[in-house]
Amino acid sequence: MNPTKGRTSKGQSQRETLAAAEGPCENLGQMAENETQKVPSDLREGEIAVELPGQFDAALYYIGRIRTPWRRREDCPKNPRETDAVCTVVLDPRWGAGLQGLESVTHVVLLYWMDQARRDLVLQAPHHYSERRGTFALRSPVRPNPIAVSVARLVGIDGNTLSVVGLDCLDDTPLLDIKPYFASTDSVPDALVGWHAGRGTE
């Protein structure tokens, strides 16, 4: 999933909708009100936007930041398999003890917040596809909760910093979680996306 190619709605930055690592989200009601007041202005032909809910249901902690070579969305790889760039995951020191044991794994699952993506589209027309698709049939970063997931190769750990290969996000992307990748349970070799069959790598 490419967290870099979502379009940004005008108005208040999406960064203000969730808490940073220093504390839980505050003033969620006001933030939700700001979201619903945004007026989409860059819909592609055939796309459909909906009004966002009036309030959030939960708050999150950003547990760190992801540092990558890419500062513009157009510079980011289309997907994590297209690059061998070594990226850095900087974990907030308060969560450092949670890395104990992770040094023994080869790959990690990283979940992160695509804070530059809009959140109100239910039907999308991605520029690299000719057909419209529902948001939940796509890997687009544009979704109600813009969460990305990547399986990255763990190169090494130095204190609270991880070096990994296999990311495609903008520099300074907020980190939500780190999990070990279990090939025995996480891999589904016969999985198929029917509409995408024959199109090549997503």
Foldseek 3Di string as FASTA:
>chain_A
DALLPAAAFPDDFLVLQAEEQVDGRPPQQVVLCRLQPTDGDDADPPWDFDGDDNGDDGHAYQQWWKADPAAHSVPFDPFQVVDFGKIKTAGDLVCQVVCVPVQPAFKKKWKFFSRRHAATIQWHDDPVDRDIDGPVLDQYLHHNGSMHIWIWTWPGDDRRMTITGGHGYHGGTGTGDMGGDDCVPPDDPPDDSVVCPPVPDD
